[in-house]
Amino acid sequence: MIMFTFEGLEIIAVTARYLCPRPLREQIPRIREAGITRVILREKDLSADDYTALAETVLRACEECGVALVIHRYPEAARKLGINALHMPLPFLNADICREFHTVGTSVHSIGQLQQAEECGADYVTAGHIFATDCKKDLPPRGIPFLTDICIHSSVPVYAIGGIDSEKLPQIAESGAAGACIMSGAMLL
């Protein structure tokens, strides 16, 4: 099994159930075996009710494996399930959400967006996409220089996202990032 670990980096799995050959609840133990201890449940195509039902199932698996679950985009699901970690799209991030939840993150693609996230009170940001990825085929990657610039200007931890595999972790570490988000690699374990 591939291990997603690198000294000094926290690795976060980002879900994409359409890539996963098994139900997400069955993938969580595999994610944990690979050294990952936090999962962002990012299933953007689901309604709030369907997302909450999936989150409940994934939460049980996370609790059994010692993996922290972060809810993406649905604060009402986080409230219902008693989860105090939320990842919000930047247009929906606000100071009230940041005060309500213990840990709140968002994705940024520029220094201006980083500043907006920090002004709202985000606890961390994901920055990307750093490398070429199938998720963003039509957009060129921003690269390590972009990630380094975000890290230099950020007062909160920065996690690289986009096209990251275990071989790219040394570059991520050199940029000053706190960690990296892995989607495809974590879903295909």
Protein backbone atom coordinates (compact mmCIF):
# COMPACT_ATOMS: atom_id res chain seq x y z
CA MET A 1 0.00 0.00 0.00
CA ILE A 2 1.16 3.53 -0.78
CA MET A 3 1.89 5.59 2.32
CA PHE A 4 1.02 9.27 2.19
CA THR A 5 3.44 10.58 4.75
CA PHE A 6 6.26 13.07 4.67
CA GLU A 7 8.09 14.54 7.63
CA GLY A 8 6.47 17.80 8.70
CA LEU A 9 3.41 17.57 6.41
CA GLU A 10 -0.15 16.77 7.32
CA ILE A 11 -1.90 14.88 4.56
CA ILE A 12 -5.65 15.31 4.09
CA ALA A 13 -7.80 13.04 1.93
CA VAL A 14 -10.46 14.77 -0.16
CA THR A 15 -13.28 12.49 -1.22
CA ALA A 16 -14.62 11.90 -4.70
CA ARG A 17 -16.86 8.87 -4.44
CA TYR A 18 -17.14 8.54 -8.23
CA LEU A 19 -13.41 7.61 -8.27
CA CYS A 20 -13.66 5.11 -5.44
CA PRO A 21 -14.16 1.41 -6.28
CA ARG A 22 -16.04 0.84 -3.01
CA PRO A 23 -18.42 2.79 -0.75
CA LEU A 24 -16.66 5.65 1.04
CA ARG A 25 -17.33 4.12 4.45
CA GLU A 26 -15.24 1.13 3.32
CA GLN A 27 -12.49 3.40 1.98
CA ILE A 28 -11.89 5.17 5.30
CA PRO A 29 -9.89 2.29 6.87
CA ARG A 30 -7.70 2.16 3.76
CA ILE A 31 -7.14 5.92 3.97
CA ARG A 32 -6.10 5.55 7.61
CA GLU A 33 -3.73 2.67 6.78
CA ALA A 34 -2.03 4.99 4.28
CA GLY A 35 -1.18 7.41 7.11
CA ILE A 36 -3.97 9.95 6.55
CA THR A 37 -5.82 11.18 9.63
CA ARG A 38 -8.18 13.83 8.21
CA VAL A 39 -10.81 13.62 5.46
CA ILE A 40 -12.74 16.41 3.77
CA LEU A 41 -16.05 14.94 2.57
CA ARG A 42 -16.30 16.87 -0.71
CA GLU A 43 -19.27 15.50 -2.63
CA LYS A 44 -20.50 18.59 -4.45
CA ASP A 45 -23.18 16.88 -6.54
CA LEU A 46 -25.34 15.79 -3.59
CA SER A 47 -28.35 17.56 -2.15
CA ALA A 48 -28.10 18.66 1.48
CA ASP A 49 -30.17 15.68 2.65
CA ASP A 50 -28.21 13.12 0.60
CA TYR A 51 -24.93 14.69 1.71
CA THR A 52 -25.98 14.52 5.37
CA ALA A 53 -26.94 10.85 5.03
CA LEU A 54 -23.57 10.06 3.45
CA ALA A 55 -21.74 12.11 6.07
CA GLU A 56 -23.42 10.16 8.85
CA THR A 57 -22.21 6.86 7.38
CA VAL A 58 -18.69 8.17 6.74
CA LEU A 59 -18.55 9.71 10.23
CA ARG A 60 -19.10 6.30 11.84
CA ALA A 61 -16.24 4.84 9.80
CA CYS A 62 -14.01 7.80 10.66
CA GLU A 63 -14.73 7.43 14.38
CA GLU A 64 -13.89 3.71 14.22
CA CYS A 65 -10.55 4.43 12.50
CA GLY A 66 -9.46 7.58 14.35
CA VAL A 67 -9.86 9.85 11.32
CA ALA A 68 -11.16 13.41 11.69
CA LEU A 69 -14.04 14.27 9.35
CA VAL A 70 -14.41 17.73 7.84
CA ILE A 71 -17.78 18.66 6.36
CA HIS A 72 -17.65 20.47 3.02
CA ARG A 73 -20.17 23.21 2.16
CA TYR A 74 -23.04 22.09 4.43
CA PRO A 75 -22.88 23.68 7.90
CA GLU A 76 -26.33 22.26 8.69
CA ALA A 77 -24.94 18.73 8.22
CA ALA A 78 -22.04 19.55 10.54
CA ARG A 79 -24.45 20.87 13.16
CA LYS A 80 -26.73 17.84 12.90
CA LEU A 81 -23.84 15.39 13.22
CA GLY A 82 -21.96 17.33 15.91
CA ILE A 83 -18.92 17.88 13.68
CA ASN A 84 -16.97 21.01 14.52
CA ALA A 85 -14.85 21.18 11.36
CA LEU A 86 -16.06 22.76 8.15
CA HIS A 87 -14.57 23.53 4.73
CA MET A 88 -16.57 26.24 2.97
CA PRO A 89 -16.30 27.56 -0.57
CA LEU A 90 -14.93 31.10 -0.29
CA PRO A 91 -18.10 32.83 -1.61
CA PHE A 92 -20.03 31.29 1.32
CA LEU A 93 -17.42 31.85 4.01
CA ASN A 94 -18.19 34.51 6.59
CA ALA A 95 -17.11 35.56 10.06
CA ASP A 96 -20.22 34.05 11.71
CA ILE A 97 -19.43 30.60 10.32
CA CYS A 98 -15.80 30.96 11.39
CA ARG A 99 -16.85 31.85 14.94
CA GLU A 100 -19.39 29.02 15.16
CA PHE A 101 -17.12 26.13 14.19
CA HIS A 102 -13.84 25.15 15.82
CA THR A 103 -11.98 24.67 12.54
CA VAL A 104 -12.97 26.32 9.27
CA GLY A 105 -11.08 26.22 6.01
CA THR A 106 -11.58 27.37 2.45
CA SER A 107 -9.92 27.11 -0.94
CA VAL A 108 -7.95 29.99 -2.43
CA HIS A 109 -6.49 30.65 -5.85
CA SER A 110 -4.84 34.05 -5.34
CA ILE A 111 -3.32 36.33 -2.72
CA GLY A 112 -6.52 38.40 -2.79
CA GLN A 113 -8.61 35.34 -1.98
CA LEU A 114 -6.16 34.42 0.79
CA GLN A 115 -6.63 37.88 2.32
CA GLN A 116 -10.41 37.52 2.06
CA ALA A 117 -10.28 34.13 3.79
CA GLU A 118 -8.10 35.50 6.59
CA GLU A 119 -10.40 38.51 7.07
CA CYS A 120 -13.36 36.15 7.51
CA GLY A 121 -11.40 34.20 10.13
CA ALA A 122 -10.47 30.99 8.27
CA ASP A 123 -8.25 28.66 10.30
CA TYR A 124 -6.54 27.20 7.22
CA VAL A 125 -6.64 27.37 3.43
CA THR A 126 -6.17 24.94 0.60
CA ALA A 127 -4.28 26.49 -2.33
CA GLY A 128 -4.31 25.19 -5.83
CA HIS A 129 -4.37 23.64 -8.12
CA ILE A 130 -0.64 23.13 -7.90
CA PHE A 131 -0.01 20.37 -10.43
CA ALA A 132 -1.92 19.19 -13.51
CA THR A 133 -5.03 17.25 -12.53
CA ASP A 134 -7.92 15.57 -14.28
CA CYS A 135 -10.30 17.62 -12.12
CA LYS A 136 -9.14 20.82 -13.85
CA LYS A 137 -8.11 19.63 -17.33
CA ASP A 138 -8.78 22.97 -19.00
CA LEU A 139 -6.81 25.07 -16.49
CA PRO A 140 -3.02 25.22 -16.29
CA PRO A 141 -1.60 24.38 -12.86
CA ARG A 142 -0.43 27.26 -10.70
CA GLY A 143 2.76 25.48 -9.65
CA ILE A 144 5.13 25.51 -6.70
CA PRO A 145 6.05 29.22 -7.06
CA PHE A 146 2.37 30.11 -6.53
CA LEU A 147 2.17 27.81 -3.50
CA THR A 148 5.35 29.31 -2.03
CA ASP A 149 3.94 32.83 -2.50
CA ILE A 150 0.69 31.88 -0.77
CA CYS A 151 2.65 30.33 2.11
CA ILE A 152 4.82 33.45 2.48
CA HIS A 153 1.77 35.72 2.67
CA SER A 154 -0.43 33.49 4.82
CA SER A 155 -0.93 33.81 8.56
CA VAL A 156 -2.80 30.45 8.61
CA PRO A 157 -1.68 26.95 7.60
CA VAL A 158 -1.71 26.32 3.84
CA TYR A 159 -2.45 22.93 2.29
CA ALA A 160 -1.55 22.30 -1.35
CA ILE A 161 -4.20 20.71 -3.55
CA GLY A 162 -4.32 19.51 -7.11
CA GLY A 163 -2.43 16.71 -8.81
CA ILE A 164 -0.53 15.73 -5.68
CA ASP A 165 0.87 12.25 -5.19
CA SER A 166 3.45 10.85 -2.77
CA GLU A 167 6.33 11.71 -5.12
CA LYS A 168 5.45 15.42 -5.05
CA LEU A 169 5.39 15.73 -1.25
CA PRO A 170 9.03 16.89 -0.98
CA GLN A 171 8.25 19.87 -3.25
CA ILE A 172 5.21 20.68 -1.14
CA ALA A 173 7.32 20.59 2.02
CA GLU A 174 9.93 22.91 0.49
CA SER A 175 7.23 25.49 -0.33
CA GLY A 176 6.46 26.05 3.33
CA ALA A 177 3.01 24.44 3.20
CA ALA A 178 1.59 22.76 6.30
CA GLY A 179 0.43 19.84 4.23
CA ALA A 180 -1.22 18.52 1.13
CA CYS A 181 -4.63 17.32 0.03
CA ILE A 182 -4.83 14.08 -1.92
CA MET A 183 -7.97 13.12 -3.87
CA SER A 184 -7.38 10.52 -6.59
CA GLY A 185 -4.60 8.73 -4.73
CA ALA A 186 -6.70 8.46 -1.58
CA MET A 187 -9.79 7.28 -3.44
CA LEU A 188 -7.90 4.60 -5.36
CA LEU A 189 -6.04 3.02 -2.43
